[in-house]
N, C-alpha and C. Protein backbone atom coordinates (compact mmCIF):
# COMPACT_ATOMS: atom_id res chain seq x y z
N MET A 1 24.27 22.05 24.25
CA MET A 1 24.00 23.16 23.36
C MET A 1 22.53 23.16 22.84
N GLN A 2 21.81 24.29 23.32
CA GLN A 2 20.58 24.13 22.52
C GLN A 2 20.43 25.05 21.30
N ILE A 3 19.89 24.62 20.16
CA ILE A 3 19.85 25.19 19.02
C ILE A 3 18.60 25.31 18.39
N LYS A 4 18.18 26.42 17.87
CA LYS A 4 16.95 26.55 17.23
C LYS A 4 16.78 25.67 16.12
N LYS A 5 15.58 25.26 15.76
CA LYS A 5 15.45 24.33 14.66
C LYS A 5 14.53 25.25 13.64
N PRO A 6 14.62 24.96 12.21
CA PRO A 6 14.24 25.72 11.31
C PRO A 6 12.68 25.46 11.11
N THR A 7 11.86 26.00 12.10
CA THR A 7 10.44 25.87 12.15
C THR A 7 9.65 27.28 12.27
N GLY A 8 8.41 27.31 11.92
CA GLY A 8 7.72 28.37 12.33
C GLY A 8 8.06 29.70 11.41
N ARG A 9 7.77 30.87 11.89
CA ARG A 9 7.99 31.97 10.96
C ARG A 9 9.29 32.36 10.57
N SER A 10 10.35 31.82 11.47
CA SER A 10 11.84 32.21 11.27
C SER A 10 12.45 31.12 10.28
N ALA A 11 11.59 30.10 9.92
CA ALA A 11 12.20 28.99 9.21
C ALA A 11 13.02 29.35 7.89
N PRO A 12 12.41 30.34 7.11
CA PRO A 12 13.20 30.58 5.89
C PRO A 12 14.65 31.10 6.14
N ALA A 13 14.67 32.06 7.12
CA ALA A 13 16.15 32.81 7.61
C ALA A 13 16.90 31.49 8.01
N MET A 14 16.40 30.45 8.91
CA MET A 14 17.17 29.69 9.42
C MET A 14 17.63 28.82 8.41
N LYS A 15 16.86 28.49 7.27
CA LYS A 15 17.47 27.52 6.34
C LYS A 15 18.69 28.21 5.69
N TYR A 16 18.51 29.54 5.42
CA TYR A 16 19.59 30.03 4.67
C TYR A 16 20.91 30.13 5.65
N ASP A 17 20.55 30.28 6.99
CA ASP A 17 21.92 30.33 8.05
C ASP A 17 22.47 28.97 7.89
N ILE A 18 21.65 28.02 7.81
CA ILE A 18 22.37 26.57 7.92
C ILE A 18 23.23 26.23 6.66
N LEU A 19 22.53 26.64 5.59
CA LEU A 19 23.37 26.52 4.32
C LEU A 19 24.51 27.27 4.30
N THR A 20 24.50 28.72 4.72
CA THR A 20 25.73 29.37 4.88
C THR A 20 26.71 28.92 5.60
N VAL A 21 26.30 28.46 6.81
CA VAL A 21 27.39 27.90 7.77
C VAL A 21 27.92 26.80 7.34
N MET A 22 27.32 26.05 6.62
CA MET A 22 27.87 24.72 5.94
C MET A 22 28.85 25.13 4.93
N GLY A 23 28.62 26.17 4.07
CA GLY A 23 29.50 26.51 2.90
C GLY A 23 30.62 27.31 3.61
N SER A 24 30.53 28.12 4.75
CA SER A 24 31.83 28.83 5.39
C SER A 24 32.49 27.48 5.88
N TYR A 25 31.84 26.46 6.62
CA TYR A 25 32.64 25.49 7.15
C TYR A 25 33.42 24.71 6.21
N ALA A 26 32.86 24.36 4.98
CA ALA A 26 33.38 23.66 3.88
C ALA A 26 34.70 24.37 3.50
N LEU A 27 34.61 25.75 3.28
CA LEU A 27 35.76 26.63 2.96
C LEU A 27 36.82 26.44 3.80
N SER A 28 36.68 26.14 4.97
CA SER A 28 37.89 25.84 6.11
C SER A 28 38.40 24.61 6.05
N GLN A 29 37.96 23.59 5.24
CA GLN A 29 38.37 22.28 5.36
C GLN A 29 39.25 21.89 4.09
N SER A 30 39.51 20.64 4.04
CA SER A 30 40.42 20.22 2.97
C SER A 30 39.68 19.91 1.63
N LYS A 31 40.23 19.94 0.41
CA LYS A 31 39.53 19.89 -0.85
C LYS A 31 38.49 18.59 -0.98
N GLY A 32 38.83 17.59 -0.28
CA GLY A 32 38.02 16.47 -0.51
C GLY A 32 36.65 16.83 0.58
N GLN A 33 36.85 17.39 1.60
CA GLN A 33 35.78 17.60 2.45
C GLN A 33 34.95 18.84 1.91
N GLN A 34 35.52 19.83 1.32
CA GLN A 34 35.01 20.81 0.60
C GLN A 34 33.95 20.21 -0.42
N LYS A 35 34.53 19.35 -1.30
CA LYS A 35 33.52 18.70 -2.30
C LYS A 35 32.47 18.02 -1.71
N LEU A 36 32.66 17.38 -0.70
CA LEU A 36 31.55 16.44 -0.01
C LEU A 36 30.44 17.32 0.26
N ILE A 37 30.92 18.28 1.19
CA ILE A 37 29.84 19.46 1.78
C ILE A 37 29.23 19.98 0.61
N LEU A 38 29.85 20.53 -0.33
CA LEU A 38 29.30 21.35 -1.44
C LEU A 38 28.19 20.44 -2.10
N ARG A 39 28.44 19.16 -2.46
CA ARG A 39 27.59 18.01 -2.79
C ARG A 39 26.30 18.11 -1.98
N PHE A 40 26.66 18.01 -0.67
CA PHE A 40 25.53 17.86 0.33
C PHE A 40 24.49 19.13 0.37
N VAL A 41 25.26 20.21 0.31
CA VAL A 41 24.32 21.51 0.18
C VAL A 41 23.56 21.64 -1.00
N THR A 42 24.26 21.05 -2.15
CA THR A 42 23.39 21.01 -3.33
C THR A 42 22.20 19.90 -3.31
N LEU A 43 22.33 18.91 -2.75
CA LEU A 43 21.39 17.84 -2.61
C LEU A 43 20.30 18.37 -1.60
N ILE A 44 20.51 19.09 -0.59
CA ILE A 44 19.72 19.79 0.55
C ILE A 44 18.82 20.69 -0.33
N THR A 45 19.51 21.63 -0.85
CA THR A 45 18.80 22.86 -1.64
C THR A 45 17.81 22.16 -2.82
N ALA A 46 18.24 21.22 -3.56
CA ALA A 46 17.42 20.71 -4.54
C ALA A 46 16.36 19.67 -4.06
N ARG A 47 16.53 18.90 -2.95
CA ARG A 47 15.68 17.59 -2.82
C ARG A 47 15.15 17.53 -1.28
N TYR A 48 15.72 18.35 -0.36
CA TYR A 48 15.52 18.35 1.04
C TYR A 48 13.91 18.81 1.36
N ASN A 49 13.13 18.14 2.15
CA ASN A 49 11.73 18.68 2.63
C ASN A 49 12.07 19.05 3.93
N TRP A 50 12.28 20.34 4.30
CA TRP A 50 12.63 20.86 5.66
C TRP A 50 11.49 20.49 6.50
N ARG A 51 10.33 20.80 6.30
CA ARG A 51 9.30 20.54 7.24
C ARG A 51 8.97 19.21 7.77
N ARG A 52 9.18 18.18 6.92
CA ARG A 52 8.99 16.87 7.07
C ARG A 52 10.20 15.98 7.49
N ASP A 53 11.36 16.68 7.32
CA ASP A 53 12.77 16.12 7.61
C ASP A 53 12.82 14.76 6.74
N GLU A 54 12.55 15.26 5.30
CA GLU A 54 12.63 14.00 4.55
C GLU A 54 13.56 14.22 3.20
N LEU A 55 14.36 13.55 2.98
CA LEU A 55 15.50 13.46 2.07
C LEU A 55 15.27 12.13 1.32
N ALA A 56 14.20 11.97 0.36
CA ALA A 56 14.05 10.80 -0.50
C ALA A 56 14.29 10.83 -1.99
N VAL A 57 15.37 10.55 -2.37
CA VAL A 57 15.97 10.67 -3.68
C VAL A 57 16.78 9.27 -4.00
N GLY A 58 16.77 8.79 -5.23
CA GLY A 58 17.43 7.77 -5.67
C GLY A 58 18.61 8.02 -6.05
N GLN A 59 19.69 7.06 -5.93
CA GLN A 59 21.28 7.12 -6.16
C GLN A 59 21.43 7.69 -7.57
N ARG A 60 20.77 7.20 -8.57
CA ARG A 60 20.79 7.61 -9.77
C ARG A 60 20.42 9.18 -10.04
N GLU A 61 19.45 9.61 -9.42
CA GLU A 61 19.13 11.00 -9.53
C GLU A 61 20.23 11.75 -8.79
N ILE A 62 20.90 11.22 -7.62
CA ILE A 62 21.92 12.08 -6.96
C ILE A 62 22.99 12.06 -7.95
N ALA A 63 23.46 11.19 -8.56
CA ALA A 63 24.59 10.80 -9.46
C ALA A 63 24.26 11.92 -10.59
N ARG A 64 23.16 12.15 -11.06
CA ARG A 64 23.01 13.06 -12.09
C ARG A 64 23.11 14.53 -11.63
N LEU A 65 22.64 14.59 -10.43
CA LEU A 65 22.68 15.94 -10.03
C LEU A 65 24.17 16.31 -9.59
N TRP A 66 25.03 15.47 -9.20
CA TRP A 66 26.39 15.62 -8.68
C TRP A 66 27.22 15.44 -9.79
N HIS A 67 26.98 15.07 -10.98
CA HIS A 67 27.84 14.86 -12.14
C HIS A 67 28.85 13.73 -11.71
N VAL A 68 28.44 12.77 -11.11
CA VAL A 68 29.36 11.58 -10.86
C VAL A 68 28.73 10.19 -11.04
N ASP A 69 29.41 9.13 -10.83
CA ASP A 69 28.70 7.85 -11.06
C ASP A 69 27.89 7.44 -9.67
N GLU A 70 27.28 6.23 -9.74
CA GLU A 70 26.60 5.70 -8.64
C GLU A 70 27.29 5.37 -7.59
N ARG A 71 28.49 4.75 -7.87
CA ARG A 71 29.46 4.46 -6.93
C ARG A 71 29.92 5.47 -5.96
N THR A 72 30.18 6.69 -6.52
CA THR A 72 30.73 7.73 -5.81
C THR A 72 29.73 8.16 -4.95
N VAL A 73 28.37 8.19 -5.46
CA VAL A 73 27.08 8.58 -4.57
C VAL A 73 27.15 7.73 -3.24
N LYS A 74 27.24 6.43 -3.51
CA LYS A 74 27.20 5.48 -2.30
C LYS A 74 28.38 5.70 -1.49
N ARG A 75 29.75 6.07 -2.03
CA ARG A 75 30.82 6.50 -0.98
C ARG A 75 30.48 7.83 -0.14
N GLU A 76 29.87 8.76 -0.95
CA GLU A 76 29.72 9.99 -0.43
C GLU A 76 28.65 10.10 0.60
N MET A 77 27.77 9.29 0.47
CA MET A 77 26.42 9.18 1.33
C MET A 77 26.92 8.50 2.57
N ALA A 78 27.76 7.68 2.42
CA ALA A 78 28.13 6.91 3.43
C ALA A 78 29.24 7.77 4.49
N LYS A 79 29.96 8.57 3.73
CA LYS A 79 30.66 9.63 4.51
C LYS A 79 29.70 10.35 5.36
N LEU A 80 28.71 10.90 4.74
CA LEU A 80 27.76 11.69 5.61
C LEU A 80 27.06 11.13 6.57
N ARG A 81 26.64 9.85 6.42
CA ARG A 81 26.26 8.94 7.62
C ARG A 81 27.10 8.86 8.67
N ALA A 82 28.48 8.64 8.29
CA ALA A 82 29.54 8.36 9.26
C ALA A 82 29.61 9.82 10.20
N MET A 83 29.39 10.86 9.31
CA MET A 83 29.60 12.01 10.13
C MET A 83 28.30 12.31 10.97
N SER A 84 27.44 11.71 10.83
CA SER A 84 25.96 11.77 11.69
C SER A 84 25.36 12.99 10.88
N TRP A 85 25.59 13.40 9.92
CA TRP A 85 24.93 14.53 9.28
C TRP A 85 23.62 14.10 8.65
N ILE A 86 23.47 12.90 8.21
CA ILE A 86 22.21 12.15 7.78
C ILE A 86 21.92 10.84 8.61
N LYS A 87 20.71 10.40 8.57
CA LYS A 87 20.41 9.26 9.08
C LYS A 87 19.49 8.39 8.16
N VAL A 88 19.61 7.24 8.06
CA VAL A 88 18.68 6.43 7.28
C VAL A 88 17.31 6.22 8.04
N LYS A 89 16.36 6.91 7.31
CA LYS A 89 14.96 6.56 7.99
C LYS A 89 14.27 5.16 7.35
N ARG A 90 14.66 4.96 6.17
CA ARG A 90 13.79 4.01 5.41
C ARG A 90 14.87 3.33 4.39
N GLN A 91 15.37 2.18 4.41
CA GLN A 91 16.25 1.63 3.48
C GLN A 91 15.52 1.46 2.11
N GLY A 92 16.47 1.89 1.21
CA GLY A 92 15.82 1.62 -0.28
C GLY A 92 15.66 0.21 -0.58
N VAL A 93 14.55 -0.14 -1.35
CA VAL A 93 14.50 -1.36 -1.70
C VAL A 93 14.05 -1.34 -3.23
N ARG A 94 13.97 -2.59 -4.00
CA ARG A 94 13.58 -2.66 -5.26
C ARG A 94 12.38 -1.92 -5.65
N GLY A 95 12.34 -0.70 -6.49
CA GLY A 95 11.04 -0.07 -6.88
C GLY A 95 10.94 1.16 -5.84
N ARG A 96 11.72 1.40 -4.75
CA ARG A 96 11.43 2.32 -3.88
C ARG A 96 12.72 2.84 -3.37
N VAL A 97 12.76 4.28 -3.43
CA VAL A 97 14.14 4.85 -2.96
C VAL A 97 14.38 4.96 -1.41
N GLY A 98 15.59 4.93 -0.94
CA GLY A 98 15.72 5.12 0.42
C GLY A 98 15.28 6.50 0.99
N GLU A 99 15.03 6.52 2.20
CA GLU A 99 14.78 8.08 2.76
C GLU A 99 15.64 8.16 3.76
N TYR A 100 16.17 9.55 3.98
CA TYR A 100 17.13 9.86 4.82
C TYR A 100 16.47 11.01 5.63
N GLY A 101 16.98 11.27 6.75
CA GLY A 101 16.67 12.56 7.56
C GLY A 101 18.04 13.31 7.56
N VAL A 102 17.84 14.53 7.91
CA VAL A 102 19.04 15.31 8.20
C VAL A 102 19.07 15.83 9.53
N ASP A 103 20.36 15.77 10.32
CA ASP A 103 20.50 15.90 11.69
C ASP A 103 21.16 17.41 11.80
N VAL A 104 20.26 18.31 11.78
CA VAL A 104 20.51 19.77 11.60
C VAL A 104 21.31 20.16 13.01
N GLU A 105 20.95 19.65 14.02
CA GLU A 105 21.70 19.97 15.38
C GLU A 105 23.11 19.46 15.44
N ARG A 106 23.12 18.19 14.73
CA ARG A 106 24.72 17.72 14.69
C ARG A 106 25.53 18.74 13.65
N ILE A 107 24.97 18.96 12.59
CA ILE A 107 25.59 19.79 11.57
C ILE A 107 26.03 21.16 12.25
N LEU A 108 25.13 21.75 13.01
CA LEU A 108 25.48 23.07 13.52
C LEU A 108 26.48 23.09 14.60
N GLU A 109 26.44 21.90 15.49
CA GLU A 109 27.55 21.56 16.50
C GLU A 109 28.78 21.29 15.93
N ASP A 110 28.98 20.54 14.72
CA ASP A 110 30.17 20.36 14.01
C ASP A 110 30.72 21.74 13.40
N THR A 111 29.91 22.64 13.07
CA THR A 111 30.22 23.88 12.40
C THR A 111 30.42 25.22 13.21
N SER A 112 30.28 24.73 14.58
CA SER A 112 30.17 26.13 15.48
C SER A 112 31.54 26.80 15.60
N ALA A 113 32.68 26.05 15.22
CA ALA A 113 33.85 26.85 15.05
C ALA A 113 33.80 28.16 14.10
N VAL A 114 33.01 28.08 13.20
CA VAL A 114 33.17 29.19 11.95
C VAL A 114 32.00 29.97 12.14
N TRP A 115 31.14 29.88 13.20
CA TRP A 115 29.86 30.75 13.32
C TRP A 115 30.33 32.32 13.45
N ALA A 116 31.40 32.60 14.14
CA ALA A 116 32.02 33.92 14.41
C ALA A 116 32.34 34.47 12.73
N ALA A 117 32.97 33.63 11.94
CA ALA A 117 33.49 34.01 10.83
C ALA A 117 32.23 34.53 9.88
N VAL A 118 30.97 33.94 9.97
CA VAL A 118 29.85 34.32 9.31
C VAL A 118 29.31 35.79 9.71
N GLY A 119 29.39 36.05 10.92
CA GLY A 119 28.94 37.54 11.26
C GLY A 119 28.84 37.51 12.78
N PRO A 120 28.95 38.69 13.26
CA PRO A 120 28.95 38.90 14.85
C PRO A 120 27.61 38.51 15.22
N ASP A 121 26.52 38.71 14.58
CA ASP A 121 25.05 38.27 15.05
C ASP A 121 24.73 36.82 14.90
N PHE A 122 25.65 36.14 14.08
CA PHE A 122 25.09 34.77 13.75
C PHE A 122 24.86 33.94 14.84
N GLU A 123 25.71 33.60 15.83
CA GLU A 123 25.49 32.65 16.82
C GLU A 123 24.10 32.99 17.70
N TYR A 124 23.92 34.37 17.83
CA TYR A 124 22.80 34.78 18.59
C TYR A 124 21.36 34.14 17.74
N ARG A 125 21.40 34.10 16.33
CA ARG A 125 20.27 33.60 15.83
C ARG A 125 20.00 32.45 15.86
N LEU A 126 21.22 31.63 16.06
CA LEU A 126 21.25 30.10 16.14
C LEU A 126 20.99 29.49 17.46
N LYS A 127 21.43 30.19 18.43
CA LYS A 127 21.34 29.50 19.82
C LYS A 127 19.97 30.03 20.43
N GLU A 128 19.40 29.27 21.40
CA GLU A 128 18.38 29.56 22.23
C GLU A 128 18.91 29.96 23.39
N THR A 129 18.80 31.30 23.62
CA THR A 129 19.55 31.94 24.91
C THR A 129 18.65 33.01 25.39
N ASP A 130 18.64 33.05 26.80
CA ASP A 130 17.78 34.19 27.32
C ASP A 130 18.56 35.45 27.74
N LYS A 131 19.85 35.45 27.33
CA LYS A 131 20.76 36.64 27.71
C LYS A 131 21.43 36.90 26.41
N LEU A 132 20.63 37.72 25.68
CA LEU A 132 21.37 38.48 24.53
C LEU A 132 21.81 39.71 24.92
N PRO A 133 22.84 40.02 23.94
CA PRO A 133 23.25 41.36 24.23
C PRO A 133 22.25 42.45 24.14
N GLU A 134 22.32 43.48 24.55
CA GLU A 134 21.11 44.32 24.49
C GLU A 134 20.85 45.07 23.19
N ASN A 135 21.86 45.15 22.42
CA ASN A 135 21.74 45.62 21.05
C ASN A 135 21.29 44.70 20.00
N ILE A 136 20.95 43.48 20.56
CA ILE A 136 20.54 42.43 19.57
C ILE A 136 18.93 41.98 20.10
N VAL A 137 18.08 42.21 19.30
CA VAL A 137 16.61 42.05 19.72
C VAL A 137 16.07 40.75 19.01
N PRO A 138 15.66 39.73 19.78
CA PRO A 138 15.00 38.52 18.89
C PRO A 138 13.86 38.98 18.22
N LEU A 139 13.75 38.36 17.01
CA LEU A 139 12.66 38.59 16.30
C LEU A 139 11.44 38.63 16.70
N ASN A 140 11.11 37.35 17.50
CA ASN A 140 9.95 37.13 18.06
C ASN A 140 9.36 38.17 19.17
N SER A 141 10.30 38.94 19.77
CA SER A 141 10.06 39.93 20.67
C SER A 141 9.98 41.25 20.17
N VAL A 142 10.21 41.59 18.88
CA VAL A 142 10.19 43.01 18.49
C VAL A 142 8.66 43.42 18.39
N LYS A 143 8.50 44.73 18.81
CA LYS A 143 7.15 45.34 18.93
C LYS A 143 7.22 46.22 17.58
N ILE A 144 6.14 45.92 17.01
CA ILE A 144 6.06 46.79 15.55
C ILE A 144 5.68 48.14 16.03
N PRO A 145 6.53 49.24 15.81
CA PRO A 145 5.95 50.57 15.82
C PRO A 145 5.20 50.90 14.78
N PRO A 146 4.41 52.25 14.97
CA PRO A 146 3.52 52.68 13.88
C PRO A 146 4.39 53.34 12.81
N PRO A 147 4.00 53.55 11.54
CA PRO A 147 4.74 54.15 10.63
C PRO A 147 5.46 55.30 10.88
N PRO A 148 6.63 55.69 10.19
CA PRO A 148 7.25 56.97 10.50
C PRO A 148 6.34 58.06 10.32
N ASP A 149 6.61 59.27 10.99
CA ASP A 149 5.95 60.45 10.65
C ASP A 149 6.79 61.19 9.63
N LEU A 150 5.95 61.47 8.58
CA LEU A 150 6.58 62.10 7.39
C LEU A 150 6.65 63.58 7.42
N GLU A 151 6.30 64.02 8.61
CA GLU A 151 6.15 65.56 8.61
C GLU A 151 7.39 66.37 8.37
N ASN A 152 8.52 65.93 8.69
CA ASN A 152 9.74 66.68 8.49
C ASN A 152 10.28 66.62 6.93
N GLY A 153 9.97 65.44 6.41
CA GLY A 153 10.24 65.30 4.87
C GLY A 153 11.66 65.22 4.46
N SER A 154 12.54 64.82 5.36
CA SER A 154 13.95 64.73 5.12
C SER A 154 14.10 63.50 4.26
N THR A 155 15.30 63.33 3.45
CA THR A 155 15.68 62.19 2.86
C THR A 155 15.29 60.86 3.55
N TRP A 156 16.14 60.91 4.69
CA TRP A 156 16.15 59.65 5.59
C TRP A 156 14.67 59.56 5.98
N ASN A 157 13.96 60.33 6.41
CA ASN A 157 12.67 60.25 6.84
C ASN A 157 11.69 59.52 5.92
N LEU A 158 11.86 59.84 4.50
CA LEU A 158 11.25 59.27 3.52
C LEU A 158 11.66 57.86 3.21
N VAL A 159 12.86 57.64 3.35
CA VAL A 159 13.59 56.39 3.07
C VAL A 159 12.98 55.30 4.12
N GLN A 160 12.98 55.89 5.50
CA GLN A 160 12.51 55.05 6.58
C GLN A 160 11.04 54.70 6.15
N ALA A 161 10.27 55.52 5.62
CA ALA A 161 8.92 54.93 5.37
C ALA A 161 8.84 53.99 4.40
N LEU A 162 9.70 53.96 3.42
CA LEU A 162 9.69 52.90 2.38
C LEU A 162 10.19 51.62 3.09
N LEU A 163 11.18 51.66 3.86
CA LEU A 163 11.91 50.46 4.64
C LEU A 163 10.73 49.96 5.65
N TYR A 164 9.84 50.84 6.29
CA TYR A 164 9.00 50.29 7.10
C TYR A 164 7.92 49.50 6.25
N GLN A 165 7.60 49.88 5.16
CA GLN A 165 6.50 49.25 4.33
C GLN A 165 7.24 47.85 3.86
N GLU A 166 8.40 47.98 3.56
CA GLU A 166 9.12 46.69 3.02
C GLU A 166 9.22 45.74 4.30
N ASP A 167 9.62 46.12 5.39
CA ASP A 167 9.72 45.06 6.48
C ASP A 167 9.48 45.67 7.82
N PRO A 168 8.43 45.72 8.60
CA PRO A 168 8.18 46.39 9.64
C PRO A 168 9.16 46.05 10.81
N SER A 169 9.44 44.60 10.90
CA SER A 169 10.26 44.12 11.83
C SER A 169 11.77 44.52 11.74
N LEU A 170 12.22 44.67 10.48
CA LEU A 170 13.58 45.07 10.06
C LEU A 170 13.62 46.57 10.66
N PHE A 171 12.53 47.30 10.25
CA PHE A 171 12.54 48.58 10.60
C PHE A 171 12.62 48.78 12.17
N ALA A 172 11.85 48.07 12.84
CA ALA A 172 11.99 48.34 14.39
C ALA A 172 13.20 47.81 14.99
N SER A 173 13.84 46.76 14.39
CA SER A 173 14.96 46.26 15.01
C SER A 173 16.29 47.07 14.71
N TRP A 174 16.27 47.53 13.30
CA TRP A 174 17.46 48.35 12.84
C TRP A 174 17.51 49.61 12.30
N TYR A 175 16.36 49.69 11.43
CA TYR A 175 16.28 51.13 10.62
C TYR A 175 15.63 52.29 11.54
N GLN A 176 14.93 52.03 12.46
CA GLN A 176 14.29 53.16 13.28
C GLN A 176 15.36 53.73 14.20
N ALA A 177 16.38 53.02 14.68
CA ALA A 177 17.44 53.78 15.46
C ALA A 177 18.35 54.54 14.69
N LEU A 178 18.46 54.46 13.47
CA LEU A 178 19.38 55.23 12.65
C LEU A 178 19.00 56.75 12.52
N ILE A 179 19.94 57.66 12.64
CA ILE A 179 19.64 59.13 12.64
C ILE A 179 20.43 59.66 11.29
N GLN A 180 19.92 60.44 10.51
CA GLN A 180 20.72 61.15 9.37
C GLN A 180 21.62 62.15 10.18
N VAL A 181 22.89 62.17 9.68
CA VAL A 181 23.75 63.17 10.09
C VAL A 181 23.84 64.17 8.80
N GLU A 182 24.13 63.82 7.75
CA GLU A 182 24.24 64.69 6.77
C GLU A 182 23.89 64.16 5.26
N GLN A 183 23.77 64.85 4.45
CA GLN A 183 23.69 64.33 3.04
C GLN A 183 24.48 65.42 2.13
N SER A 184 25.44 64.72 1.52
CA SER A 184 26.42 65.68 0.73
C SER A 184 26.49 64.90 -0.63
N ASN A 185 26.25 65.81 -1.82
CA ASN A 185 26.44 65.21 -2.99
C ASN A 185 25.74 63.64 -3.20
N SER A 186 26.28 62.70 -3.63
CA SER A 186 25.88 61.12 -3.62
C SER A 186 25.97 60.50 -2.26
N GLN A 187 26.13 61.01 -1.40
CA GLN A 187 26.31 60.32 0.08
C GLN A 187 25.46 60.62 0.97
N LEU A 188 24.87 59.81 1.65
CA LEU A 188 23.93 59.94 2.89
C LEU A 188 24.59 59.30 4.00
N THR A 189 24.86 60.15 5.20
CA THR A 189 25.51 59.35 6.35
C THR A 189 24.65 59.34 7.47
N LEU A 190 24.51 58.16 8.14
CA LEU A 190 23.61 58.07 9.07
C LEU A 190 24.47 57.71 10.31
N THR A 191 23.90 57.89 11.75
CA THR A 191 24.71 57.29 12.87
C THR A 191 23.75 56.46 13.53
N ALA A 192 24.49 55.43 14.01
CA ALA A 192 23.90 54.13 14.71
C ALA A 192 24.10 54.27 16.15
N PRO A 193 23.41 53.72 17.11
CA PRO A 193 23.35 53.82 18.67
C PRO A 193 24.50 53.05 19.13
N SER A 194 25.10 52.05 18.42
CA SER A 194 26.38 51.34 19.06
C SER A 194 27.06 50.90 17.84
N ARG A 195 28.24 50.39 18.16
CA ARG A 195 29.38 50.02 17.02
C ARG A 195 28.75 48.74 16.37
N PHE A 196 28.25 47.95 17.22
CA PHE A 196 27.50 46.60 16.66
C PHE A 196 26.43 46.88 15.69
N HIS A 197 25.60 47.78 16.12
CA HIS A 197 24.47 48.14 15.31
C HIS A 197 25.05 48.72 13.82
N ALA A 198 25.99 49.52 14.16
CA ALA A 198 26.47 50.09 12.74
C ALA A 198 27.04 49.01 11.99
N THR A 199 27.85 48.10 12.46
CA THR A 199 28.54 46.89 11.76
C THR A 199 27.64 46.03 11.15
N TYR A 200 26.42 45.85 11.92
CA TYR A 200 25.57 44.85 11.27
C TYR A 200 24.73 45.35 9.96
N VAL A 201 24.30 46.69 10.25
CA VAL A 201 23.67 47.47 9.22
C VAL A 201 24.53 47.56 7.99
N GLN A 202 25.60 47.79 8.14
CA GLN A 202 26.66 48.10 7.10
C GLN A 202 26.89 46.73 6.37
N ALA A 203 27.02 45.69 7.00
CA ALA A 203 27.29 44.45 6.46
C ALA A 203 26.05 43.77 5.74
N ASN A 204 25.00 43.87 6.61
CA ASN A 204 23.63 43.18 6.05
C ASN A 204 22.51 44.01 5.41
N LEU A 205 22.49 45.17 5.65
CA LEU A 205 21.18 45.83 5.21
C LEU A 205 21.60 47.16 4.43
N LYS A 206 22.76 47.58 4.23
CA LYS A 206 23.24 48.52 3.38
C LYS A 206 22.66 48.68 2.08
N ALA A 207 22.66 47.65 1.43
CA ALA A 207 22.05 47.34 0.14
C ALA A 207 20.62 47.96 -0.15
N ARG A 208 19.90 47.44 0.88
CA ARG A 208 18.48 47.65 0.83
C ARG A 208 18.33 49.19 1.10
N ILE A 209 19.23 49.83 2.05
CA ILE A 209 19.02 51.15 2.27
C ILE A 209 19.15 52.11 1.07
N VAL A 210 20.23 51.44 0.49
CA VAL A 210 20.77 52.48 -0.84
C VAL A 210 19.72 52.41 -1.79
N ALA A 211 19.14 51.29 -2.06
CA ALA A 211 18.03 51.01 -2.95
C ALA A 211 16.90 51.90 -2.72
N ALA A 212 16.56 51.97 -1.26
CA ALA A 212 15.48 52.59 -0.98
C ALA A 212 15.69 54.21 -1.29
N CYS A 213 16.91 54.64 -0.88
CA CYS A 213 17.49 56.09 -1.07
C CYS A 213 17.29 56.22 -2.47
N ARG A 214 17.60 55.59 -3.34
CA ARG A 214 17.66 55.90 -4.97
C ARG A 214 16.14 56.06 -5.21
N GLU A 215 14.99 55.47 -4.67
CA GLU A 215 13.83 55.65 -4.92
C GLU A 215 13.41 56.95 -4.50
N ILE A 216 14.04 57.64 -3.51
CA ILE A 216 13.73 58.84 -3.25
C ILE A 216 14.39 59.86 -3.96
N ASP A 217 15.71 59.52 -3.84
CA ASP A 217 16.74 60.60 -4.88
C ASP A 217 17.69 59.82 -5.54
N GLU A 218 17.68 59.75 -6.74
CA GLU A 218 18.43 58.94 -7.60
C GLU A 218 19.94 59.44 -7.50
N MET A 219 20.16 60.47 -7.08
CA MET A 219 21.65 61.01 -6.89
C MET A 219 22.49 60.37 -5.93
N ILE A 220 21.56 59.64 -4.87
CA ILE A 220 22.51 59.02 -3.67
C ILE A 220 22.94 57.60 -4.22
N THR A 221 24.27 57.35 -4.28
CA THR A 221 24.73 56.23 -4.52
C THR A 221 25.55 55.55 -3.53
N ASP A 222 25.60 56.07 -2.18
CA ASP A 222 26.29 55.49 -1.16
C ASP A 222 25.65 55.83 0.22
N VAL A 223 25.57 55.01 1.26
CA VAL A 223 25.14 55.27 2.28
C VAL A 223 26.43 54.93 3.57
N VAL A 224 26.84 55.65 4.24
CA VAL A 224 27.65 55.55 5.29
C VAL A 224 27.21 55.56 6.60
N ILE A 225 27.52 54.47 7.61
CA ILE A 225 27.01 54.32 8.90
C ILE A 225 27.95 54.57 9.85
N THR A 226 27.70 55.66 10.73
CA THR A 226 28.77 55.91 11.62
C THR A 226 28.20 55.52 13.26
N THR A 227 29.11 55.86 14.17
CA THR A 227 28.67 55.48 15.44
C THR A 227 28.93 57.07 16.34
């Protein structure tokens, strides 16, 4: 299994993906495992240096973060080592804390069973693959189009202009293909080129679209995506 690592321009999104899938995986496990993974996610969020693959923190500090005693910290960190989710890079000695690395690839392999539960696009963002579905466009291959033409002045046309300014890559991948069907009272109805496209926008981007709509017309409180 070839898996993208959290580096380069896509690193911030990858970090959220990794934390999200660990949380989803934890919720599918027993209570003891849930607590262990929640503690690990909290530790990573607070202290892990993604760029250097460095988790250098003392047991006393971890105990304070987790609201437990140091004996519990030793036990939980041993479990994480046994799972191969962390590895010792430098043993702690008197006056110097231990240093750990995080095995992101092992974590993603172990949690792969819940990728589909996170979202239909999720595994395509995590896997290195040369054969993506035609309606999923890798971010690094997106060609940024020119700004939308504002000549027709429709609500959606103006909203698209705002969304373009916010994120041209998202505009090119998702917003540009949406077409306004109708606007009635407080609802704007858009059509997408495929069912997947509509599902993804509805699940992940609707809030952004509604916010942009309200900047143009404060009466709009809902957006419906159809195919």
